[in-house]
Amino acid sequence: MQEIILKLWRNDDAQDWSLEINGLRYEHVSAQTLEDLAEAALSVAENSLMEAAARQPH
C-alpha cells in the first residue's frame, strides 16, 4: 500500500493555494499547479504499487 498525505490551504489575499504532499510543502501555487502536483503524486504512488506487484511471485 502507498499512502499519500495531501494538505491544502487557500490563500485568500493572494488568490492562490499552498499545499503539502507527504511533508513536502509548496507555497503560492495556482489551481492548475495544485492539480498537476496532486496528479504527479498519484502517478508516483501508482507506479510504485505496480512495480511492487510485478516483483511479487505469482
C-alpha atoms as a PDB file:
ATOM      1  CA  MET A   1       0.000   0.000   0.000  1.00  0.00           C
ATOM      2  CA  GLN A   2       1.177   3.514  -0.811  1.00  0.00           C
ATOM      3  CA  GLU A   3      -0.093   6.395   1.326  1.00  0.00           C
ATOM      4  CA  ILE A   4      -0.466   9.938   0.021  1.00  0.00           C
ATOM      5  CA  ILE A   5      -0.953  12.670   2.604  1.00  0.00           C
ATOM      6  CA  LEU A   6      -2.269  15.824   0.973  1.00  0.00           C
ATOM      7  CA  LYS A   7      -3.000  19.087   2.820  1.00  0.00           C
ATOM      8  CA  LEU A   8      -4.399  22.177   1.097  1.00  0.00           C
ATOM      9  CA  TRP A   9      -4.572  25.829   2.151  1.00  0.00           C
ATOM     10  CA  ARG A  10      -6.342  28.612   0.270  1.00  0.00           C
ATOM     11  CA  ASN A  11      -4.511  31.958   0.415  1.00  0.00           C
ATOM     12  CA  ASP A  12      -7.410  34.383   0.085  1.00  0.00           C
ATOM     13  CA  ASP A  13      -5.302  37.551  -0.023  1.00  0.00           C
ATOM     14  CA  ALA A  14      -3.000  36.197  -2.744  1.00  0.00           C
ATOM     15  CA  GLN A  15      -5.821  34.324  -4.520  1.00  0.00           C
ATOM     16  CA  ASP A  16      -3.716  31.171  -4.771  1.00  0.00           C
ATOM     17  CA  TRP A  17      -3.026  27.917  -2.930  1.00  0.00           C
ATOM     18  CA  SER A  18      -0.431  26.263  -0.744  1.00  0.00           C
ATOM     19  CA  LEU A  19      -0.231  22.520  -0.380  1.00  0.00           C
ATOM     20  CA  GLU A  20       1.783  19.823   1.306  1.00  0.00           C
ATOM     21  CA  ILE A  21       2.234  16.371  -0.205  1.00  0.00           C
ATOM     22  CA  ASN A  22       3.834  13.783   2.080  1.00  0.00           C
ATOM     23  CA  GLY A  23       5.625  16.501   4.037  1.00  0.00           C
ATOM     24  CA  LEU A  24       6.888  18.476   1.009  1.00  0.00           C
ATOM     25  CA  ARG A  25       5.326  21.943   1.033  1.00  0.00           C
ATOM     26  CA  TYR A  26       4.558  24.125  -1.995  1.00  0.00           C
ATOM     27  CA  GLU A  27       3.639  27.782  -1.380  1.00  0.00           C
ATOM     28  CA  HIS A  28       1.555  30.135  -3.516  1.00  0.00           C
ATOM     29  CA  VAL A  29       0.691  27.883  -6.438  1.00  0.00           C
ATOM     30  CA  SER A  30      -2.118  28.249  -8.950  1.00  0.00           C
ATOM     31  CA  ALA A  31      -5.076  25.904  -9.048  1.00  0.00           C
ATOM     32  CA  GLN A  32      -3.610  24.274 -12.174  1.00  0.00           C
ATOM     33  CA  THR A  33      -0.237  23.709 -10.498  1.00  0.00           C
ATOM     34  CA  LEU A  34      -2.020  22.289  -7.456  1.00  0.00           C
ATOM     35  CA  GLU A  35      -3.844  19.833  -9.708  1.00  0.00           C
ATOM     36  CA  ASP A  36      -0.625  18.926 -11.553  1.00  0.00           C
ATOM     37  CA  LEU A  37       1.279  18.275  -8.306  1.00  0.00           C
ATOM     38  CA  ALA A  38      -1.503  16.111  -6.884  1.00  0.00           C
ATOM     39  CA  GLU A  39      -1.713  14.152 -10.139  1.00  0.00           C
ATOM     40  CA  ALA A  40       2.061  13.636 -10.132  1.00  0.00           C
ATOM     41  CA  ALA A  41       1.936  12.303  -6.547  1.00  0.00           C
ATOM     42  CA  LEU A  42      -0.808   9.883  -7.553  1.00  0.00           C
ATOM     43  CA  SER A  43       1.185   8.744 -10.589  1.00  0.00           C
ATOM     44  CA  VAL A  44       4.302   8.109  -8.482  1.00  0.00           C
ATOM     45  CA  ALA A  45       2.280   6.075  -5.985  1.00  0.00           C
ATOM     46  CA  GLU A  46       0.581   4.109  -8.749  1.00  0.00           C
ATOM     47  CA  ASN A  47       3.909   3.301 -10.430  1.00  0.00           C
ATOM     48  CA  SER A  48       5.385   2.232  -7.098  1.00  0.00           C
ATOM     49  CA  LEU A  49       2.472  -0.129  -6.478  1.00  0.00           C
ATOM     50  CA  MET A  50       2.670  -1.591  -9.981  1.00  0.00           C
ATOM     51  CA  GLU A  51       6.423  -2.188  -9.639  1.00  0.00           C
ATOM     52  CA  ALA A  52       5.919  -3.869  -6.258  1.00  0.00           C
ATOM     53  CA  ALA A  53       3.196  -6.101  -7.713  1.00  0.00           C
ATOM     54  CA  ALA A  54       5.419  -7.060 -10.635  1.00  0.00           C
ATOM     55  CA  ARG A  55       8.163  -8.197  -8.220  1.00  0.00           C
ATOM     56  CA  GLN A  56       5.751 -10.480  -6.324  1.00  0.00           C
ATOM     57  CA  PRO A  57       5.963 -14.173  -7.216  1.00  0.00           C
ATOM     58  CA  HIS A  58       2.834 -15.393  -8.953  1.00  0.00           C
END
